[in-house]
């Protein structure tokens, strides 16, 4: 996915727009939801990351992302001032 490449190259704002577009095309895709939440957090938009993460059923994520989910949610809540 182009968004992942952009993000890994440090183009986080541009990557966010592509992650958002992928989500808009398939809002039920938990992998897209998770990627968008990570992009929100990387762009300093912790409250939006929390909202997106709370929509996700962690059991629907690939096993490789389930452990990361809990840590990301805790980090996003802390950054947003929710904890």
PDB file of N, CA and C in Angstrom:
ATOM      1  N   UNK A   1       0.847  -1.170   0.000  1.00  0.00           N
ATOM      2  CA  UNK A   1       0.000   0.000   0.000  1.00  0.00           C
ATOM      3  C   UNK A   1       0.900   1.243   0.000  1.00  0.00           C
ATOM      4  N   UNK A   2       0.585   2.178  -0.855  1.00  0.00           N
ATOM      5  CA  UNK A   2       1.359   3.411  -0.984  1.00  0.00           C
ATOM      6  C   UNK A   2       1.434   4.159   0.340  1.00  0.00           C
ATOM      7  N   UNK A   3       0.358   4.162   1.081  1.00  0.00           N
ATOM      8  CA  UNK A   3       0.332   4.883   2.358  1.00  0.00           C
ATOM      9  C   UNK A   3       1.400   4.360   3.311  1.00  0.00           C
ATOM     10  N   UNK A   4       1.596   3.055   3.359  1.00  0.00           N
ATOM     11  CA  UNK A   4       2.610   2.483   4.243  1.00  0.00           C
ATOM     12  C   UNK A   4       4.008   2.897   3.811  1.00  0.00           C
ATOM     13  N   UNK A   5       4.246   2.931   2.518  1.00  0.00           N
ATOM     14  CA  UNK A   5       5.547   3.352   2.009  1.00  0.00           C
ATOM     15  C   UNK A   5       5.808   4.807   2.372  1.00  0.00           C
ATOM     16  N   UNK A   6       4.828   5.661   2.158  1.00  0.00           N
ATOM     17  CA  UNK A   6       4.978   7.077   2.493  1.00  0.00           C
ATOM     18  C   UNK A   6       5.243   7.262   3.979  1.00  0.00           C
ATOM     19  N   UNK A   7       4.519   6.527   4.794  1.00  0.00           N
ATOM     20  CA  UNK A   7       4.694   6.633   6.241  1.00  0.00           C
ATOM     21  C   UNK A   7       6.097   6.211   6.654  1.00  0.00           C
ATOM     22  N   UNK A   8       6.571   5.110   6.091  1.00  0.00           N
ATOM     23  CA  UNK A   8       7.905   4.628   6.458  1.00  0.00           C
ATOM     24  C   UNK A   8       9.006   5.560   5.969  1.00  0.00           C
ATOM     25  N   UNK A   9       8.705   6.364   4.963  1.00  0.00           N
ATOM     26  CA  UNK A   9       9.674   7.330   4.447  1.00  0.00           C
ATOM     27  C   UNK A   9       9.571   8.679   5.154  1.00  0.00           C
ATOM     28  N   UNK A  10       8.668   8.783   6.126  1.00  0.00           N
ATOM     29  CA  UNK A  10       8.539  10.011   6.895  1.00  0.00           C
ATOM     30  C   UNK A  10       7.525  10.996   6.355  1.00  0.00           C
ATOM     31  N   UNK A  11       6.824  10.655   5.291  1.00  0.00           N
ATOM     32  CA  UNK A  11       5.794  11.535   4.722  1.00  0.00           C
ATOM     33  C   UNK A  11       4.461  11.238   5.408  1.00  0.00           C
ATOM     34  N   UNK A  12       4.420  11.502   6.696  1.00  0.00           N
ATOM     35  CA  UNK A  12       3.266  11.080   7.502  1.00  0.00           C
ATOM     36  C   UNK A  12       1.972  11.788   7.138  1.00  0.00           C
ATOM     37  N   UNK A  13       2.026  13.081   6.852  1.00  0.00           N
ATOM     38  CA  UNK A  13       0.805  13.813   6.511  1.00  0.00           C
ATOM     39  C   UNK A  13       0.223  13.300   5.196  1.00  0.00           C
ATOM     40  N   UNK A  14       1.082  13.073   4.220  1.00  0.00           N
ATOM     41  CA  UNK A  14       0.616  12.549   2.936  1.00  0.00           C
ATOM     42  C   UNK A  14       0.098  11.121   3.107  1.00  0.00           C
ATOM     43  N   UNK A  15       0.791  10.333   3.905  1.00  0.00           N
ATOM     44  CA  UNK A  15       0.351   8.962   4.160  1.00  0.00           C
ATOM     45  C   UNK A  15      -1.032   8.952   4.801  1.00  0.00           C
ATOM     46  N   UNK A  16      -1.265   9.889   5.716  1.00  0.00           N
ATOM     47  CA  UNK A  16      -2.564   9.957   6.388  1.00  0.00           C
ATOM     48  C   UNK A  16      -3.690  10.104   5.377  1.00  0.00           C
ATOM     49  N   UNK A  17      -3.500  10.931   4.359  1.00  0.00           N
ATOM     50  CA  UNK A  17      -4.563  11.121   3.370  1.00  0.00           C
ATOM     51  C   UNK A  17      -4.844   9.819   2.612  1.00  0.00           C
ATOM     52  N   UNK A  18      -3.815   9.036   2.343  1.00  0.00           N
ATOM     53  CA  UNK A  18      -4.019   7.755   1.658  1.00  0.00           C
ATOM     54  C   UNK A  18      -4.655   6.716   2.580  1.00  0.00           C
ATOM     55  N   UNK A  19      -4.253   6.689   3.842  1.00  0.00           N
ATOM     56  CA  UNK A  19      -4.896   5.781   4.797  1.00  0.00           C
ATOM     57  C   UNK A  19      -6.377   6.142   4.946  1.00  0.00           C
ATOM     58  N   UNK A  20      -6.667   7.432   4.993  1.00  0.00           N
ATOM     59  CA  UNK A  20      -8.059   7.874   5.124  1.00  0.00           C
ATOM     60  C   UNK A  20      -8.865   7.453   3.896  1.00  0.00           C
ATOM     61  N   UNK A  21      -8.276   7.585   2.724  1.00  0.00           N
ATOM     62  CA  UNK A  21      -8.971   7.206   1.488  1.00  0.00           C
ATOM     63  C   UNK A  21      -9.246   5.697   1.468  1.00  0.00           C
ATOM     64  N   UNK A  22      -8.283   4.897   1.870  1.00  0.00           N
ATOM     65  CA  UNK A  22      -8.493   3.445   1.927  1.00  0.00           C
ATOM     66  C   UNK A  22      -9.642   3.120   2.874  1.00  0.00           C
ATOM     67  N   UNK A  23      -9.676   3.807   4.010  1.00  0.00           N
ATOM     68  CA  UNK A  23     -10.756   3.596   4.978  1.00  0.00           C
ATOM     69  C   UNK A  23     -12.107   3.990   4.377  1.00  0.00           C
ATOM     70  N   UNK A  24     -12.140   5.117   3.667  1.00  0.00           N
ATOM     71  CA  UNK A  24     -13.391   5.566   3.050  1.00  0.00           C
ATOM     72  C   UNK A  24     -13.905   4.557   2.022  1.00  0.00           C
ATOM     73  N   UNK A  25     -12.991   3.904   1.327  1.00  0.00           N
ATOM     74  CA  UNK A  25     -13.389   2.922   0.317  1.00  0.00           C
ATOM     75  C   UNK A  25     -13.884   1.614   0.924  1.00  0.00           C
ATOM     76  N   UNK A  26     -13.407   1.291   2.126  1.00  0.00           N
ATOM     77  CA  UNK A  26     -13.792   0.032   2.777  1.00  0.00           C
ATOM     78  C   UNK A  26     -13.770   0.230   4.290  1.00  0.00           C
ATOM     79  N   UNK A  27     -14.751   0.961   4.791  1.00  0.00           N
ATOM     80  CA  UNK A  27     -14.783   1.348   6.207  1.00  0.00           C
ATOM     81  C   UNK A  27     -14.894   0.155   7.152  1.00  0.00           C
ATOM     82  N   UNK A  28     -15.328  -0.971   6.671  1.00  0.00           N
ATOM     83  CA  UNK A  28     -15.455  -2.144   7.523  1.00  0.00           C
ATOM     84  C   UNK A  28     -14.179  -2.963   7.647  1.00  0.00           C
ATOM     85  N   UNK A  29     -13.160  -2.579   6.935  1.00  0.00           N
ATOM     86  CA  UNK A  29     -11.898  -3.317   6.931  1.00  0.00           C
ATOM     87  C   UNK A  29     -11.091  -2.937   8.175  1.00  0.00           C
ATOM     88  N   UNK A  30     -10.937  -3.873   9.108  1.00  0.00           N
ATOM     89  CA  UNK A  30     -10.246  -3.561  10.365  1.00  0.00           C
ATOM     90  C   UNK A  30      -8.768  -3.256  10.157  1.00  0.00           C
ATOM     91  N   UNK A  31      -8.170  -3.819   9.132  1.00  0.00           N
ATOM     92  CA  UNK A  31      -6.761  -3.517   8.852  1.00  0.00           C
ATOM     93  C   UNK A  31      -6.626  -2.055   8.446  1.00  0.00           C
ATOM     94  N   UNK A  32      -7.563  -1.551   7.636  1.00  0.00           N
ATOM     95  CA  UNK A  32      -7.550  -0.136   7.256  1.00  0.00           C
ATOM     96  C   UNK A  32      -7.842   0.747   8.465  1.00  0.00           C
ATOM     97  N   UNK A  33      -8.776   0.326   9.301  1.00  0.00           N
ATOM     98  CA  UNK A  33      -9.087   1.097  10.508  1.00  0.00           C
ATOM     99  C   UNK A  33      -7.855   1.214  11.395  1.00  0.00           C
ATOM    100  N   UNK A  34      -7.160   0.108  11.571  1.00  0.00           N
ATOM    101  CA  UNK A  34      -5.976   0.081  12.422  1.00  0.00           C
ATOM    102  C   UNK A  34      -4.873   0.953  11.831  1.00  0.00           C
ATOM    103  N   UNK A  35      -4.669   0.844  10.530  1.00  0.00           N
ATOM    104  CA  UNK A  35      -3.645   1.657   9.862  1.00  0.00           C
ATOM    105  C   UNK A  35      -3.973   3.140   9.973  1.00  0.00           C
ATOM    106  N   UNK A  36      -5.241   3.485   9.826  1.00  0.00           N
ATOM    107  CA  UNK A  36      -5.646   4.888   9.939  1.00  0.00           C
ATOM    108  C   UNK A  36      -5.440   5.390  11.360  1.00  0.00           C
ATOM    109  N   UNK A  37      -5.762   4.575  12.344  1.00  0.00           N
ATOM    110  CA  UNK A  37      -5.540   4.961  13.742  1.00  0.00           C
ATOM    111  C   UNK A  37      -4.062   5.222  14.001  1.00  0.00           C
ATOM    112  N   UNK A  38      -3.202   4.357  13.482  1.00  0.00           N
ATOM    113  CA  UNK A  38      -1.759   4.550  13.644  1.00  0.00           C
ATOM    114  C   UNK A  38      -1.308   5.835  12.956  1.00  0.00           C
ATOM    115  N   UNK A  39      -1.873   6.123  11.802  1.00  0.00           N
ATOM    116  CA  UNK A  39      -1.518   7.347  11.076  1.00  0.00           C
ATOM    117  C   UNK A  39      -1.984   8.581  11.837  1.00  0.00           C
ATOM    118  N   UNK A  40      -3.178   8.519  12.415  1.00  0.00           N
ATOM    119  CA  UNK A  40      -3.645   9.641  13.236  1.00  0.00           C
ATOM    120  C   UNK A  40      -2.666   9.892  14.377  1.00  0.00           C
ATOM    121  N   UNK A  41      -2.270   8.841  15.051  1.00  0.00           N
ATOM    122  CA  UNK A  41      -1.363   8.983  16.187  1.00  0.00           C
ATOM    123  C   UNK A  41      -0.014   9.537  15.740  1.00  0.00           C
ATOM    124  N   UNK A  42       0.494   9.059  14.633  1.00  0.00           N
ATOM    125  CA  UNK A  42       1.781   9.530  14.110  1.00  0.00           C
ATOM    126  C   UNK A  42       1.743  11.002  13.716  1.00  0.00           C
ATOM    127  N   UNK A  43       0.538  11.504  13.432  1.00  0.00           N
ATOM    128  CA  UNK A  43       0.367  12.898  13.034  1.00  0.00           C
ATOM    129  C   UNK A  43      -0.097  13.776  14.190  1.00  0.00           C
ATOM    130  N   UNK A  44      -0.009  13.248  15.416  1.00  0.00           N
ATOM    131  CA  UNK A  44      -0.365  14.038  16.586  1.00  0.00           C
ATOM    132  C   UNK A  44      -1.854  14.210  16.794  1.00  0.00           C
ATOM    133  N   UNK A  45      -2.641  13.340  16.207  1.00  0.00           N
ATOM    134  CA  UNK A  45      -4.099  13.429  16.310  1.00  0.00           C
ATOM    135  C   UNK A  45      -4.607  12.272  17.173  1.00  0.00           C
ATOM    136  N   UNK A  46      -4.188  12.307  18.437  1.00  0.00           N
ATOM    137  CA  UNK A  46      -4.435  11.191  19.353  1.00  0.00           C
ATOM    138  C   UNK A  46      -5.916  10.944  19.610  1.00  0.00           C
ATOM    139  N   UNK A  47      -6.706  11.993  19.746  1.00  0.00           N
ATOM    140  CA  UNK A  47      -8.133  11.805  20.019  1.00  0.00           C
ATOM    141  C   UNK A  47      -8.807  11.057  18.870  1.00  0.00           C
ATOM    142  N   UNK A  48      -8.434  11.384  17.643  1.00  0.00           N
ATOM    143  CA  UNK A  48      -8.999  10.678  16.490  1.00  0.00           C
ATOM    144  C   UNK A  48      -8.503   9.235  16.447  1.00  0.00           C
ATOM    145  N   UNK A  49      -7.269   9.027  16.862  1.00  0.00           N
ATOM    146  CA  UNK A  49      -6.734   7.665  16.932  1.00  0.00           C
ATOM    147  C   UNK A  49      -7.534   6.837  17.931  1.00  0.00           C
ATOM    148  N   UNK A  50      -7.828   7.419  19.088  1.00  0.00           N
ATOM    149  CA  UNK A  50      -8.621   6.711  20.103  1.00  0.00           C
ATOM    150  C   UNK A  50      -9.988   6.348  19.540  1.00  0.00           C
ATOM    151  N   UNK A  51     -10.651   7.303  18.896  1.00  0.00           N
ATOM    152  CA  UNK A  51     -11.979   7.037  18.331  1.00  0.00           C
ATOM    153  C   UNK A  51     -11.938   5.883  17.336  1.00  0.00           C
ATOM    154  N   UNK A  52     -10.933   5.883  16.480  1.00  0.00           N
ATOM    155  CA  UNK A  52     -10.826   4.817  15.483  1.00  0.00           C
ATOM    156  C   UNK A  52     -10.509   3.483  16.153  1.00  0.00           C
ATOM    157  N   UNK A  53      -9.582   3.481  17.095  1.00  0.00           N
ATOM    158  CA  UNK A  53      -9.211   2.239  17.772  1.00  0.00           C
ATOM    159  C   UNK A  53     -10.380   1.646  18.549  1.00  0.00           C
ATOM    160  N   UNK A  54     -11.208   2.489  19.125  1.00  0.00           N
ATOM    161  CA  UNK A  54     -12.344   1.986  19.900  1.00  0.00           C
ATOM    162  C   UNK A  54     -13.428   1.379  19.017  1.00  0.00           C
ATOM    163  N   UNK A  55     -13.388   1.639  17.726  1.00  0.00           N
ATOM    164  CA  UNK A  55     -14.334   1.022  16.781  1.00  0.00           C
ATOM    165  C   UNK A  55     -13.924  -0.401  16.408  1.00  0.00           C
ATOM    166  N   UNK A  56     -12.666  -0.703  16.637  1.00  0.00           N
ATOM    167  CA  UNK A  56     -12.101  -1.974  16.170  1.00  0.00           C
ATOM    168  C   UNK A  56     -12.364  -3.099  17.166  1.00  0.00           C
ATOM    169  N   UNK A  57     -12.771  -4.241  16.635  1.00  0.00           N
ATOM    170  CA  UNK A  57     -12.833  -5.471  17.427  1.00  0.00           C
ATOM    171  C   UNK A  57     -11.455  -6.116  17.301  1.00  0.00           C
ATOM    172  N   UNK A  58     -10.639  -6.080  18.365  1.00  0.00           N
ATOM    173  CA  UNK A  58      -9.274  -6.598  18.258  1.00  0.00           C
ATOM    174  C   UNK A  58      -9.194  -8.044  17.771  1.00  0.00           C
ATOM    175  N   UNK A  59     -10.206  -8.841  18.066  1.00  0.00           N
ATOM    176  CA  UNK A  59     -10.171 -10.244  17.636  1.00  0.00           C
ATOM    177  C   UNK A  59     -10.277 -10.370  16.114  1.00  0.00           C
ATOM    178  N   UNK A  60     -10.713  -9.316  15.441  1.00  0.00           N
ATOM    179  CA  UNK A  60     -10.820  -9.336  13.982  1.00  0.00           C
ATOM    180  C   UNK A  60      -9.505  -8.962  13.301  1.00  0.00           C
ATOM    181  N   UNK A  61      -8.551  -8.452  14.077  1.00  0.00           N
ATOM    182  CA  UNK A  61      -7.248  -8.086  13.524  1.00  0.00           C
ATOM    183  C   UNK A  61      -6.404  -9.330  13.272  1.00  0.00           C
ATOM    184  N   UNK A  62      -5.489  -9.252  12.313  1.00  0.00           N
ATOM    185  CA  UNK A  62      -4.526 -10.353  12.163  1.00  0.00           C
ATOM    186  C   UNK A  62      -3.762 -10.535  13.474  1.00  0.00           C
ATOM    187  N   UNK A  63      -3.383 -11.750  13.780  1.00  0.00           N
ATOM    188  CA  UNK A  63      -2.728 -12.031  15.063  1.00  0.00           C
ATOM    189  C   UNK A  63      -1.491 -11.176  15.283  1.00  0.00           C
ATOM    190  N   UNK A  64      -0.809 -10.818  14.214  1.00  0.00           N
ATOM    191  CA  UNK A  64       0.400  -9.999  14.344  1.00  0.00           C
ATOM    192  C   UNK A  64       0.111  -8.587  14.846  1.00  0.00           C
ATOM    193  N   UNK A  65      -1.135  -8.145  14.739  1.00  0.00           N
ATOM    194  CA  UNK A  65      -1.483  -6.784  15.154  1.00  0.00           C
ATOM    195  C   UNK A  65      -2.253  -6.724  16.471  1.00  0.00           C
ATOM    196  N   UNK A  66      -2.688  -7.858  16.985  1.00  0.00           N
ATOM    197  CA  UNK A  66      -3.504  -7.845  18.207  1.00  0.00           C
ATOM    198  C   UNK A  66      -2.754  -7.306  19.413  1.00  0.00           C
ATOM    199  N   UNK A  67      -1.524  -7.733  19.609  1.00  0.00           N
ATOM    200  CA  UNK A  67      -0.741  -7.250  20.753  1.00  0.00           C
ATOM    201  C   UNK A  67      -0.421  -5.774  20.585  1.00  0.00           C
ATOM    202  N   UNK A  68      -0.117  -5.377  19.374  1.00  0.00           N
ATOM    203  CA  UNK A  68       0.186  -3.969  19.102  1.00  0.00           C
ATOM    204  C   UNK A  68      -1.029  -3.082  19.381  1.00  0.00           C
ATOM    205  N   UNK A  69      -2.220  -3.611  19.139  1.00  0.00           N
ATOM    206  CA  UNK A  69      -3.459  -2.858  19.329  1.00  0.00           C
ATOM    207  C   UNK A  69      -3.570  -2.302  20.748  1.00  0.00           C
ATOM    208  N   UNK A  70      -3.372  -3.144  21.759  1.00  0.00           N
ATOM    209  CA  UNK A  70      -3.532  -2.700  23.148  1.00  0.00           C
ATOM    210  C   UNK A  70      -2.538  -1.603  23.502  1.00  0.00           C
ATOM    211  N   UNK A  71      -1.300  -1.775  23.094  1.00  0.00           N
ATOM    212  CA  UNK A  71      -0.289  -0.762  23.367  1.00  0.00           C
ATOM    213  C   UNK A  71      -0.594   0.546  22.672  1.00  0.00           C
ATOM    214  N   UNK A  72      -1.066   0.459  21.441  1.00  0.00           N
ATOM    215  CA  UNK A  72      -1.396   1.660  20.684  1.00  0.00           C
ATOM    216  C   UNK A  72      -2.582   2.390  21.303  1.00  0.00           C
ATOM    217  N   UNK A  73      -3.578   1.638  21.738  1.00  0.00           N
ATOM    218  CA  UNK A  73      -4.742   2.256  22.374  1.00  0.00           C
ATOM    219  C   UNK A  73      -4.337   2.962  23.662  1.00  0.00           C
ATOM    220  N   UNK A  74      -3.502   2.336  24.468  1.00  0.00           N
ATOM    221  CA  UNK A  74      -3.030   2.975  25.703  1.00  0.00           C
ATOM    222  C   UNK A  74      -2.240   4.238  25.399  1.00  0.00           C
ATOM    223  N   UNK A  75      -1.371   4.167  24.402  1.00  0.00           N
ATOM    224  CA  UNK A  75      -0.571   5.333  24.027  1.00  0.00           C
ATOM    225  C   UNK A  75      -1.461   6.461  23.517  1.00  0.00           C
ATOM    226  N   UNK A  76      -2.423   6.141  22.677  1.00  0.00           N
ATOM    227  CA  UNK A  76      -3.315   7.157  22.126  1.00  0.00           C
ATOM    228  C   UNK A  76      -4.139   7.813  23.232  1.00  0.00           C
ATOM    229  N   UNK A  77      -4.653   7.008  24.161  1.00  0.00           N
ATOM    230  CA  UNK A  77      -5.431   7.570  25.274  1.00  0.00           C
ATOM    231  C   UNK A  77      -4.574   8.497  26.130  1.00  0.00           C
ATOM    232  N   UNK A  78      -3.345   8.085  26.398  1.00  0.00           N
ATOM    233  CA  UNK A  78      -2.444   8.923  27.200  1.00  0.00           C
ATOM    234  C   UNK A  78      -2.123  10.223  26.470  1.00  0.00           C
ATOM    235  N   UNK A  79      -1.828  10.132  25.181  1.00  0.00           N
ATOM    236  CA  UNK A  79      -1.502  11.326  24.404  1.00  0.00           C
ATOM    237  C   UNK A  79      -2.689  12.275  24.275  1.00  0.00           C
ATOM    238  N   UNK A  80      -3.887  11.708  24.266  1.00  0.00           N
ATOM    239  CA  UNK A  80      -5.093  12.522  24.148  1.00  0.00           C
ATOM    240  C   UNK A  80      -5.540  13.076  25.499  1.00  0.00           C
ATOM    241  N   UNK A  81      -4.886  12.627  26.570  1.00  0.00           N
ATOM    242  CA  UNK A  81      -5.252  13.086  27.902  1.00  0.00           C
ATOM    243  C   UNK A  81      -6.461  12.375  28.470  1.00  0.00           C
ATOM    244  N   UNK A  82      -6.777  11.179  27.943  1.00  0.00           N
ATOM    245  CA  UNK A  82      -7.932  10.419  28.408  1.00  0.00           C
ATOM    246  C   UNK A  82      -7.621   9.581  29.631  1.00  0.00           C
ATOM    247  N   UNK A  83      -6.343   9.340  29.917  1.00  0.00           N
ATOM    248  CA  UNK A  83      -5.969   8.531  31.088  1.00  0.00           C
ATOM    249  C   UNK A  83      -5.416   9.405  32.186  1.00  0.00           C
TER     250      UNK A  83
END
